[in-house]
Amino acid sequence: MYRGALLVAGLCASLPAGAQDSGDVARLSRLVEAQQAQIARLEARLAALEGAPATTTSAARQSAQATPSQRTPAPLGQSLPSDAHPPSLDARLARIEQAQKENVHVDWSKGTPEFTSGDGRLSFRPRGRILLDWGSTTGSTVAARNLTATQARSLRLGFEGSVGKHLSYLLEGDFADNEIAIKSAYLAWTTRVMGQQAEFALGNRLNDRGLDGSSGTISVPFLERNVVGAGIIPVRGFFGLGAAARLYGDGWHVGVQVSGDDINNPGTAGDGLTIGARAHWNPVKTARWILHLGTWAFHERLASDVSRPTRSIAIGGFFNDNLRVAPGTFREAREGDGYGVELGTFHKSVWAYGEYGARRLENAAGAATGQSAWAVQGGWFVTGETPPYLTRGGVWSRPRVLRPFTSGGGGAIELAARYEAIDFSDNPTAGRGTAATFGINWYLNNFVRLQLNAIDWAVTNPTPATIGEDRGQTVIGRVQVAF
């Protein structure tokens, strides 16, 4: 008000004596106060904008990079402002706001830069993972099973992004087991149906099948998915090229997927067809408790070139192929059906979960064989983090580390235990296996994890080389970087 008083006094002094009545002074005071208020608002906006990180518009960058022959003179009478005659507050504010609008925003919270346009309609982020394992098996009566080895479990690189408010995309390639394969590769359209969020996708996408089976390897609590997620599975595997639709509510979701073979299958025969569905529900969802219920099922019509309709499962660790449960021989398999049920609970830093799954195969002659698997598992975050379970979709994610090691803290430590069993032995040439696993996970931050799993396993295979029951122990360590 001091500046306003001086201005009023100056104006009053310049007025003729007859005009210096109380009404004129009051009007001038109100005018000056209104102008002061407007200037104060503009200065506040300007200070807030100028306090933000400096930005550069695309036009300014192009001008700065232009060669002298490419530069053009400024229009007459519109040269750069001088210190003696700076631009108005309105002009300065408009220039800064335009620069921020055109600026590309960068977010590093996921481990790699996610670029987003100023209006939020375009985004792009590189993504990938590095999983490096060391493992050692001892105690087996079969000498070939007692081995120590290292492997690159997965080396994956890809990208994801969005175009507009509804369309997103994802593409990833993976190097594992000395092979290169395309994994996720799809377009997704997100909208609302009956007041709920809905997603429609076309392309190669991970199955929606059980808590472990619907989650990525980088997210499950152990080095590998449980035997239900890994073994009770369609012939086409974890991915299928086709169409999927999912509807998400508050603590529930329903998904349906129709697909042919995996995108990496050779083109020597026509595709099979798999129709799958899954639903989950959280009847209890509070700040302290979550209850998870789920069910899933699939029907498959097998392609004519399928010679091994059952996947062999490495019960004692993915790195040791000599510990696989024999899938058996089942000739001319033509169709199959599978289903599963899920039950889990999450309380503060503790979680527990169980799952059962079964599958039935039938061949051209009408013969059938059954398969089953189950697993129970639980864990505890010693450092106080909550379990990385997402009620949206009922899947595992990654924990929010409270005190990251990379920022001077101790990271997050999780202890976990699991017992699981898989049985293919309804087929006389197939085997069965069990495993008890104790695991320690150390999350250095939100995207780096060190893991150690100790597994006590048993395998029974009716094959000549490893006939009968065999037991042993495996210890596996992993370095995981997922971004």
Protein backbone atom coordinates (compact mmCIF):
# COMPACT_ATOMS: atom_id res chain seq x y z
CA MET A 1 0.00 0.00 0.00
CA TYR A 2 2.99 2.32 0.42
CA ARG A 3 3.54 2.46 -3.36
CA GLY A 4 -0.16 3.06 -3.86
CA ALA A 5 -0.20 5.91 -1.37
CA LEU A 6 2.71 7.60 -3.09
CA LEU A 7 1.02 7.22 -6.46
CA VAL A 8 -2.23 8.66 -5.14
CA ALA A 9 -0.36 11.57 -3.54
CA GLY A 10 1.44 12.32 -6.80
CA LEU A 11 -1.76 12.25 -8.80
CA CYS A 12 -3.52 14.40 -6.28
CA ALA A 13 -0.73 16.94 -6.36
CA SER A 14 -0.99 17.22 -10.14
CA LEU A 15 -4.73 17.91 -10.07
CA PRO A 16 -6.12 21.41 -10.02
CA ALA A 17 -7.01 22.56 -6.57
CA GLY A 18 -10.70 22.55 -7.39
CA ALA A 19 -10.64 18.93 -8.39
CA GLN A 20 -8.96 17.77 -5.23
CA ASP A 21 -12.11 16.89 -3.39
CA SER A 22 -12.66 13.72 -1.40
CA GLY A 23 -14.61 11.97 -4.21
CA ASP A 24 -11.75 12.27 -6.73
CA VAL A 25 -9.23 10.99 -4.22
CA ALA A 26 -11.42 8.01 -3.36
CA ARG A 27 -11.90 7.07 -7.01
CA LEU A 28 -8.17 7.33 -7.71
CA SER A 29 -7.39 5.23 -4.63
CA ARG A 30 -9.76 2.48 -5.78
CA LEU A 31 -8.24 2.53 -9.30
CA VAL A 32 -4.70 2.25 -7.96
CA GLU A 33 -5.66 -0.55 -5.57
CA ALA A 34 -7.30 -2.53 -8.40
CA GLN A 35 -4.21 -2.13 -10.56
CA GLN A 36 -1.99 -3.15 -7.66
CA ALA A 37 -4.05 -6.30 -7.09
CA GLN A 38 -3.84 -7.23 -10.77
CA ILE A 39 -0.07 -6.66 -10.80
CA ALA A 40 0.31 -8.77 -7.63
CA ARG A 41 -1.61 -11.66 -9.21
CA LEU A 42 0.49 -11.54 -12.37
CA GLU A 43 3.72 -11.34 -10.38
CA ALA A 44 2.67 -14.38 -8.30
CA ARG A 45 1.92 -16.42 -11.42
CA LEU A 46 5.20 -15.33 -12.98
CA ALA A 47 7.21 -16.17 -9.86
CA ALA A 48 5.64 -19.66 -9.72
CA LEU A 49 6.39 -20.32 -13.37
CA GLU A 50 9.92 -18.90 -13.30
CA GLY A 51 10.65 -20.97 -10.20
CA ALA A 52 10.03 -24.17 -12.21
CA PRO A 53 12.86 -25.88 -14.16
CA ALA A 54 13.77 -23.98 -17.28
CA THR A 55 12.12 -25.25 -20.44
CA THR A 56 12.83 -24.76 -24.08
CA THR A 57 10.24 -24.85 -26.78
CA SER A 58 10.77 -26.85 -29.92
CA ALA A 59 10.74 -23.64 -31.94
CA ALA A 60 13.46 -22.11 -29.78
CA ARG A 61 15.59 -25.26 -30.02
CA GLN A 62 15.29 -25.24 -33.79
CA SER A 63 16.24 -21.57 -33.88
CA ALA A 64 19.29 -22.17 -31.68
CA GLN A 65 20.44 -25.03 -33.89
CA ALA A 66 19.91 -23.22 -37.16
CA THR A 67 22.93 -22.17 -39.22
CA PRO A 68 23.46 -18.42 -39.96
CA SER A 69 22.15 -18.85 -43.50
CA GLN A 70 18.92 -20.36 -42.15
CA ARG A 71 18.19 -17.56 -39.66
CA THR A 72 15.77 -14.86 -40.72
CA PRO A 73 15.58 -11.30 -39.37
CA ALA A 74 12.96 -10.46 -36.82
CA PRO A 75 10.00 -8.48 -38.16
CA LEU A 76 10.53 -4.76 -38.18
CA GLY A 77 9.72 -3.20 -34.85
CA GLN A 78 9.78 -6.58 -33.03
CA SER A 79 13.39 -6.95 -31.97
CA LEU A 80 14.31 -8.60 -28.67
CA PRO A 81 13.28 -6.54 -25.62
CA SER A 82 15.93 -4.46 -23.87
CA ASP A 83 16.60 -4.01 -20.17
CA ALA A 84 15.23 -0.49 -20.40
CA HIS A 85 11.99 -1.66 -21.97
CA PRO A 86 11.22 -5.22 -20.76
CA PRO A 87 8.11 -7.00 -22.02
CA SER A 88 4.92 -6.65 -20.05
CA LEU A 89 3.98 -9.12 -17.36
CA ASP A 90 1.23 -10.50 -19.60
CA ALA A 91 3.69 -11.08 -22.45
CA ARG A 92 6.26 -12.75 -20.17
CA LEU A 93 3.59 -14.97 -18.63
CA ALA A 94 2.20 -16.01 -22.01
CA ARG A 95 5.68 -16.91 -23.29
CA ILE A 96 6.48 -19.10 -20.25
CA GLU A 97 3.09 -20.82 -20.32
CA GLN A 98 3.52 -21.61 -24.01
CA ALA A 99 7.00 -23.03 -23.36
CA GLN A 100 5.65 -25.31 -20.63
CA LYS A 101 2.82 -26.46 -22.85
CA GLU A 102 5.22 -27.49 -25.62
CA ASN A 103 7.76 -29.02 -23.26
CA VAL A 104 8.25 -32.81 -23.08
CA HIS A 105 7.95 -34.09 -19.50
CA VAL A 106 10.34 -36.83 -18.32
CA ASP A 107 9.57 -39.21 -15.44
CA TRP A 108 12.30 -41.53 -14.07
CA SER A 109 10.22 -43.23 -11.37
CA LYS A 110 10.07 -46.57 -13.26
CA GLY A 111 13.82 -46.86 -13.80
CA THR A 112 13.91 -45.57 -17.37
CA PRO A 113 12.79 -42.22 -18.76
CA GLU A 114 9.13 -42.00 -19.67
CA PHE A 115 8.59 -39.16 -22.13
CA THR A 116 5.20 -37.45 -22.14
CA SER A 117 4.09 -34.56 -24.31
CA GLY A 118 3.01 -31.34 -22.63
CA ASP A 119 -0.66 -32.04 -23.30
CA GLY A 120 -0.33 -35.65 -22.02
CA ARG A 121 -1.63 -37.21 -25.25
CA LEU A 122 1.60 -38.95 -26.28
CA SER A 123 3.96 -41.05 -24.16
CA PHE A 124 6.89 -43.38 -24.79
CA ARG A 125 9.06 -45.44 -22.44
CA PRO A 126 11.77 -48.04 -23.08
CA ARG A 127 11.46 -51.10 -20.86
CA GLY A 128 13.36 -54.30 -20.22
CA ARG A 129 14.78 -56.74 -17.73
CA ILE A 130 18.01 -58.51 -16.86
CA LEU A 131 17.75 -61.78 -14.89
CA LEU A 132 21.09 -63.48 -14.19
CA ASP A 133 21.14 -66.76 -12.22
CA TRP A 134 23.64 -68.96 -10.45
CA GLY A 135 22.51 -72.40 -9.23
CA SER A 136 23.87 -75.56 -7.67
CA THR A 137 22.16 -78.95 -7.17
CA THR A 138 23.38 -81.62 -4.76
CA GLY A 139 22.08 -84.80 -3.12
CA SER A 140 20.69 -86.55 -6.20
CA THR A 141 21.38 -90.24 -6.78
CA VAL A 142 21.59 -89.41 -10.51
CA ALA A 143 25.05 -87.92 -11.07
CA ALA A 144 23.95 -85.85 -14.06
CA ARG A 145 21.55 -83.90 -11.85
CA ASN A 146 24.27 -82.69 -9.45
CA LEU A 147 25.52 -79.71 -11.36
CA THR A 148 26.49 -76.07 -10.83
CA ALA A 149 25.85 -73.56 -13.57
CA THR A 150 25.10 -69.95 -14.46
CA GLN A 151 22.57 -68.70 -16.96
CA ALA A 152 20.87 -65.61 -18.30
CA ARG A 153 17.32 -66.47 -17.30
CA SER A 154 15.94 -63.56 -19.31
CA LEU A 155 17.37 -60.61 -21.21
CA ARG A 156 14.45 -58.55 -22.44
CA LEU A 157 14.16 -55.21 -24.18
CA GLY A 158 11.14 -53.37 -25.55
CA PHE A 159 9.06 -50.26 -25.33
CA GLU A 160 5.58 -49.09 -24.43
CA GLY A 161 3.56 -45.95 -24.84
CA SER A 162 0.22 -44.34 -25.53
CA VAL A 163 -1.43 -42.27 -28.24
CA GLY A 164 -4.31 -40.12 -27.06
CA LYS A 165 -6.45 -40.96 -24.07
CA HIS A 166 -7.46 -44.49 -25.06
CA LEU A 167 -4.82 -46.25 -27.20
CA SER A 168 -1.68 -47.89 -25.77
CA TYR A 169 0.92 -50.26 -27.18
CA LEU A 170 3.67 -52.60 -25.97
CA LEU A 171 6.39 -54.62 -27.71
CA GLU A 172 9.09 -56.80 -26.08
CA GLY A 173 11.70 -59.23 -27.34
CA ASP A 174 13.37 -61.76 -25.02
CA PHE A 175 16.62 -63.74 -25.09
CA ALA A 176 16.43 -66.87 -22.92
CA ASP A 177 17.58 -70.49 -23.22
CA ASN A 178 19.77 -69.44 -26.17
CA GLU A 179 16.72 -68.38 -28.16
CA ILE A 180 15.24 -65.04 -29.14
CA ALA A 181 11.47 -64.72 -28.96
CA ILE A 182 8.79 -62.05 -29.12
CA LYS A 183 6.84 -61.80 -25.88
CA SER A 184 4.26 -59.05 -25.35
CA ALA A 185 3.27 -57.40 -28.62
CA TYR A 186 -0.17 -55.80 -28.63
CA LEU A 187 -2.37 -52.74 -28.98
CA ALA A 188 -4.93 -51.97 -26.27
CA TRP A 189 -7.95 -49.66 -26.25
CA THR A 190 -9.17 -48.48 -22.84
CA THR A 191 -12.64 -47.04 -22.36
CA ARG A 192 -15.62 -47.30 -20.02
CA VAL A 193 -18.42 -49.86 -20.23
CA MET A 194 -21.37 -49.77 -17.84
CA GLY A 195 -19.50 -47.24 -15.74
CA GLN A 196 -16.42 -49.51 -15.33
CA GLN A 197 -13.02 -49.39 -16.96
CA ALA A 198 -12.75 -51.79 -19.90
CA GLU A 199 -9.74 -52.82 -21.97
CA PHE A 200 -9.74 -54.45 -25.40
CA ALA A 201 -6.47 -55.77 -26.81
CA LEU A 202 -5.22 -57.27 -30.07
CA GLY A 203 -1.89 -59.07 -30.29
CA ASN A 204 0.35 -61.40 -28.30
CA ARG A 205 -0.43 -61.04 -24.61
CA LEU A 206 0.25 -62.87 -21.34
CA ASN A 207 -2.47 -65.27 -20.21
CA ASP A 208 -4.92 -64.22 -17.52
CA ARG A 209 -4.70 -67.47 -15.51
CA GLY A 210 -4.14 -67.63 -11.77
CA LEU A 211 -2.30 -65.20 -9.50
CA ASP A 212 1.15 -66.51 -10.44
CA GLY A 213 0.23 -67.39 -14.03
CA SER A 214 -1.14 -63.89 -14.72
CA SER A 215 1.96 -62.17 -13.29
CA GLY A 216 5.37 -61.64 -14.83
CA THR A 217 8.44 -63.54 -13.65
CA ILE A 218 9.88 -60.28 -12.33
CA SER A 219 6.91 -59.85 -9.98
CA VAL A 220 6.23 -63.27 -8.43
CA PRO A 221 7.75 -63.76 -4.91
CA PHE A 222 9.98 -66.67 -5.94
CA LEU A 223 12.44 -67.20 -8.77
CA GLU A 224 9.78 -68.97 -10.82
CA ARG A 225 5.98 -69.21 -10.87
CA ASN A 226 4.43 -72.03 -8.87
CA VAL A 227 3.70 -75.37 -10.57
CA VAL A 228 0.03 -74.46 -11.12
CA GLY A 229 0.96 -71.38 -13.11
CA ALA A 230 3.80 -73.13 -14.93
CA GLY A 231 2.31 -76.60 -15.48
CA ILE A 232 -1.48 -76.39 -15.86
CA ILE A 233 -1.27 -74.39 -19.02
CA PRO A 234 -2.48 -74.53 -22.65
CA VAL A 235 -0.19 -75.98 -25.31
CA ARG A 236 0.48 -72.49 -26.70
CA GLY A 237 2.16 -71.50 -23.44
CA PHE A 238 2.01 -68.27 -21.47
CA PHE A 239 1.23 -66.10 -24.50
CA GLY A 240 -1.26 -66.36 -27.35
CA LEU A 241 -1.80 -64.24 -30.45
CA GLY A 242 -5.42 -63.09 -30.58
CA ALA A 243 -7.95 -60.82 -28.87
CA ALA A 244 -8.61 -60.15 -25.19
CA ALA A 245 -11.18 -58.14 -23.24
CA ARG A 246 -11.14 -57.22 -19.56
CA LEU A 247 -13.56 -55.34 -17.34
CA TYR A 248 -12.25 -53.82 -14.10
CA GLY A 249 -14.31 -52.79 -11.09
CA ASP A 250 -13.55 -51.78 -7.54
CA GLY A 251 -11.83 -54.90 -6.22
CA TRP A 252 -12.83 -57.25 -9.04
CA HIS A 253 -12.19 -58.00 -12.69
CA VAL A 254 -13.39 -60.35 -15.44
CA GLY A 255 -11.29 -61.23 -18.48
CA VAL A 256 -11.77 -63.28 -21.65
CA GLN A 257 -9.10 -64.20 -24.22
CA VAL A 258 -9.42 -65.93 -27.61
CA SER A 259 -6.13 -66.79 -29.29
CA GLY A 260 -4.29 -69.02 -31.70
CA ASP A 261 -0.74 -70.25 -31.22
CA ASP A 262 2.11 -68.26 -29.75
CA ILE A 263 3.49 -65.61 -32.10
CA ASN A 264 6.83 -67.48 -32.31
CA ASN A 265 5.37 -70.81 -33.53
CA PRO A 266 6.59 -72.02 -36.95
CA GLY A 267 4.16 -71.78 -39.84
CA THR A 268 4.12 -75.46 -40.76
CA ALA A 269 0.51 -76.15 -39.75
CA GLY A 270 -2.68 -74.33 -38.89
CA ASP A 271 -3.05 -72.80 -35.44
CA GLY A 272 -4.88 -74.34 -32.57
CA LEU A 273 -7.57 -72.36 -30.76
CA THR A 274 -7.68 -71.48 -27.06
CA ILE A 275 -10.53 -69.75 -25.23
CA GLY A 276 -9.71 -68.70 -21.70
CA ALA A 277 -11.37 -66.70 -18.94
CA ARG A 278 -10.52 -65.54 -15.44
CA ALA A 279 -12.27 -63.57 -12.70
CA HIS A 280 -11.12 -62.37 -9.32
CA TRP A 281 -12.89 -60.65 -6.42
CA ASN A 282 -11.75 -58.93 -3.23
CA PRO A 283 -14.74 -59.29 -0.87
CA VAL A 284 -12.60 -57.72 1.88
CA LYS A 285 -10.54 -54.67 0.97
CA THR A 286 -9.54 -52.35 3.81
CA ALA A 287 -6.38 -50.49 4.79
CA ARG A 288 -5.31 -53.52 6.87
CA TRP A 289 -6.83 -56.57 5.16
CA ILE A 290 -7.40 -57.85 1.62
CA LEU A 291 -9.04 -61.17 0.75
CA HIS A 292 -8.50 -62.59 -2.73
CA LEU A 293 -10.80 -65.08 -4.44
CA GLY A 294 -10.26 -66.18 -8.03
CA THR A 295 -11.14 -68.77 -10.63
CA TRP A 296 -10.07 -69.46 -14.20
CA ALA A 297 -10.64 -71.93 -17.00
CA PHE A 298 -9.65 -72.60 -20.60
CA HIS A 299 -10.62 -74.85 -23.48
CA GLU A 300 -8.19 -75.61 -26.29
CA ARG A 301 -8.40 -77.27 -29.66
CA LEU A 302 -4.92 -78.46 -30.53
CA ALA A 303 -3.22 -77.97 -33.90
CA SER A 304 -2.41 -81.03 -36.01
CA ASP A 305 1.36 -80.64 -35.54
CA VAL A 306 1.32 -80.85 -31.72
CA SER A 307 3.52 -83.77 -30.67
CA ARG A 308 3.98 -82.93 -26.96
CA PRO A 309 0.83 -81.43 -25.43
CA THR A 310 2.26 -81.24 -21.89
CA ARG A 311 5.09 -78.95 -20.76
CA SER A 312 7.90 -80.52 -18.75
CA ILE A 313 8.40 -78.64 -15.47
CA ALA A 314 11.81 -78.11 -13.85
CA ILE A 315 10.79 -78.81 -10.28
CA GLY A 316 14.18 -77.91 -8.76
CA GLY A 317 14.97 -74.73 -10.66
CA PHE A 318 14.72 -73.53 -14.24
CA PHE A 319 18.49 -73.71 -14.83
CA ASN A 320 18.70 -77.51 -14.34
CA ASP A 321 16.97 -79.30 -17.22
CA ASN A 322 17.82 -82.70 -15.68
CA LEU A 323 15.28 -82.04 -12.91
CA ARG A 324 12.26 -81.86 -15.17
CA VAL A 325 9.12 -83.85 -14.41
CA ALA A 326 8.58 -86.13 -17.40
CA PRO A 327 5.56 -84.94 -19.47
CA GLY A 328 4.98 -88.41 -20.93
CA THR A 329 3.77 -89.40 -24.37
CA PHE A 330 0.17 -88.84 -25.35
CA ARG A 331 -0.27 -89.27 -29.07
CA GLU A 332 -2.73 -87.43 -31.32
CA ALA A 333 -4.04 -85.13 -28.60
CA ARG A 334 -6.89 -83.09 -30.06
CA GLU A 335 -8.42 -81.02 -27.26
CA GLY A 336 -8.02 -80.11 -23.64
CA ASP A 337 -9.72 -78.33 -20.75
CA GLY A 338 -8.21 -76.73 -17.69
CA TYR A 339 -9.46 -74.89 -14.62
CA GLY A 340 -8.20 -73.50 -11.34
CA VAL A 341 -9.22 -71.84 -8.09
CA GLU A 342 -7.35 -69.23 -6.02
CA LEU A 343 -7.51 -68.11 -2.39
CA GLY A 344 -5.27 -65.52 -0.75
CA THR A 345 -5.11 -63.03 2.09
CA PHE A 346 -2.93 -59.99 2.74
CA HIS A 347 -2.51 -58.26 6.11
CA LYS A 348 -0.10 -55.37 6.67
CA SER A 349 3.32 -56.87 5.76
CA VAL A 350 2.20 -60.53 5.67
CA TRP A 351 0.61 -62.54 2.88
CA ALA A 352 -0.57 -66.12 2.28
CA TYR A 353 -1.90 -67.72 -0.88
CA GLY A 354 -3.01 -71.09 -2.23
CA GLU A 355 -3.98 -72.35 -5.67
CA TYR A 356 -5.19 -75.58 -7.27
CA GLY A 357 -5.38 -76.39 -10.97
CA ALA A 358 -6.31 -79.38 -13.15
CA ARG A 359 -6.24 -80.22 -16.84
CA ARG A 360 -7.71 -82.98 -18.99
CA LEU A 361 -6.46 -83.98 -22.45
CA GLU A 362 -8.31 -86.13 -24.98
CA ASN A 363 -6.90 -87.65 -28.16
CA ALA A 364 -8.42 -88.63 -31.52
CA ALA A 365 -9.16 -92.17 -30.29
CA GLY A 366 -11.20 -90.89 -27.34
CA ALA A 367 -8.60 -91.73 -24.68
CA ALA A 368 -7.99 -89.14 -21.96
CA THR A 369 -5.40 -88.26 -19.35
CA GLY A 370 -5.61 -86.00 -16.32
CA GLN A 371 -3.09 -83.63 -14.73
CA SER A 372 -3.19 -81.67 -11.49
CA ALA A 373 -1.09 -79.30 -9.41
CA TRP A 374 -1.37 -77.30 -6.20
CA ALA A 375 0.70 -74.84 -4.23
CA VAL A 376 0.56 -73.03 -0.88
CA GLN A 377 2.87 -70.13 -0.14
CA GLY A 378 3.32 -67.21 2.21
CA GLY A 379 5.63 -64.33 2.97
CA TRP A 380 6.56 -61.49 5.30
CA PHE A 381 8.20 -58.12 4.60
CA VAL A 382 10.53 -57.76 7.57
CA THR A 383 11.14 -54.09 6.76
CA GLY A 384 7.46 -53.14 6.85
CA GLU A 385 6.50 -52.88 3.19
CA THR A 386 3.07 -54.09 2.11
CA PRO A 387 2.88 -57.11 -0.24
CA PRO A 388 2.99 -56.07 -3.93
CA TYR A 389 -0.51 -57.28 -4.76
CA LEU A 390 -2.70 -55.27 -7.15
CA THR A 391 -6.45 -55.41 -6.58
CA ARG A 392 -6.81 -54.18 -10.16
CA GLY A 393 -6.55 -57.51 -11.97
CA GLY A 394 -5.57 -59.64 -8.96
CA VAL A 395 -1.88 -59.94 -9.91
CA TRP A 396 1.58 -59.56 -8.35
CA SER A 397 3.47 -56.35 -8.95
CA ARG A 398 6.55 -54.90 -7.22
CA PRO A 399 6.72 -53.37 -3.73
CA ARG A 400 7.11 -49.70 -2.96
CA VAL A 401 10.43 -49.76 -1.10
CA LEU A 402 10.26 -47.52 1.96
CA ARG A 403 14.00 -46.91 2.37
CA PRO A 404 15.82 -47.63 -0.91
CA PHE A 405 19.37 -48.88 -0.58
CA THR A 406 20.38 -46.63 -3.46
CA SER A 407 19.26 -43.59 -1.41
CA GLY A 408 21.11 -44.51 1.78
CA GLY A 409 18.53 -46.86 3.29
CA GLY A 410 18.58 -50.61 3.83
CA GLY A 411 16.15 -51.59 1.07
CA ALA A 412 13.25 -54.01 1.57
CA ILE A 413 13.67 -57.58 2.81
CA GLU A 414 11.04 -60.28 2.24
CA LEU A 415 11.04 -63.84 3.59
CA ALA A 416 8.88 -66.38 1.73
CA ALA A 417 8.10 -70.10 1.83
CA ARG A 418 6.25 -72.40 -0.58
CA TYR A 419 5.25 -76.04 -0.91
CA GLU A 420 3.99 -77.32 -4.27
CA ALA A 421 3.20 -80.55 -6.07
CA ILE A 422 2.47 -81.48 -9.68
CA ASP A 423 1.19 -84.82 -10.95
CA PHE A 424 1.14 -85.98 -14.59
CA SER A 425 1.21 -89.67 -13.65
CA ASP A 426 -2.33 -90.44 -14.81
CA ASN A 427 -0.40 -90.92 -18.04
CA PRO A 428 1.73 -94.10 -17.47
CA THR A 429 4.75 -92.53 -19.19
CA ALA A 430 4.63 -89.27 -17.21
CA GLY A 431 5.99 -88.31 -13.79
CA ARG A 432 5.28 -86.25 -10.72
CA GLY A 433 7.21 -83.98 -8.39
CA THR A 434 7.15 -81.92 -5.21
CA ALA A 435 9.22 -79.03 -3.92
CA ALA A 436 9.59 -77.09 -0.67
CA THR A 437 11.18 -73.67 -1.18
CA PHE A 438 12.49 -71.05 1.22
CA GLY A 439 13.28 -67.68 -0.31
CA ILE A 440 14.85 -64.35 0.63
CA ASN A 441 14.24 -61.28 -1.49
CA TRP A 442 16.24 -58.09 -1.05
CA TYR A 443 14.80 -55.15 -2.98
CA LEU A 444 17.49 -52.48 -3.30
CA ASN A 445 14.90 -50.10 -4.76
CA ASN A 446 11.68 -50.37 -6.74
CA PHE A 447 13.31 -52.04 -9.75
CA VAL A 448 16.42 -53.92 -8.52
CA ARG A 449 16.06 -57.21 -6.60
CA LEU A 450 18.51 -59.83 -5.30
CA GLN A 451 16.99 -63.28 -4.67
CA LEU A 452 18.07 -66.51 -3.03
CA ASN A 453 15.94 -69.69 -3.15
CA ALA A 454 16.75 -72.94 -1.34
CA ILE A 455 14.70 -75.88 -2.70
CA ASP A 456 14.23 -79.37 -1.33
CA TRP A 457 12.76 -81.34 -4.24
CA ALA A 458 11.56 -84.85 -5.12
CA VAL A 459 10.97 -86.20 -8.64
CA THR A 460 9.49 -89.53 -9.74
CA ASN A 461 9.84 -90.35 -13.42
CA PRO A 462 9.05 -93.72 -15.10
CA THR A 463 11.85 -93.35 -17.67
CA PRO A 464 14.79 -95.81 -17.89
CA ALA A 465 17.53 -93.26 -17.28
CA THR A 466 16.08 -91.83 -14.06
CA ILE A 467 13.48 -94.41 -13.03
CA GLY A 468 11.90 -94.19 -9.59
CA GLU A 469 11.97 -91.48 -6.96
CA ASP A 470 14.91 -89.15 -6.54
CA ARG A 471 15.52 -86.37 -3.99
CA GLY A 472 17.96 -83.54 -3.63
CA GLN A 473 18.55 -79.88 -2.86
CA THR A 474 19.10 -76.86 -5.06
CA VAL A 475 20.29 -73.37 -4.18
CA ILE A 476 19.75 -70.59 -6.73
CA GLY A 477 20.66 -66.91 -6.61
CA ARG A 478 19.49 -64.20 -8.96
CA VAL A 479 20.30 -60.60 -9.80
CA GLN A 480 17.25 -58.88 -11.25
CA VAL A 481 17.03 -55.45 -12.84
CA ALA A 482 13.60 -54.72 -14.28
CA PHE A 483 12.76 -51.33 -15.74
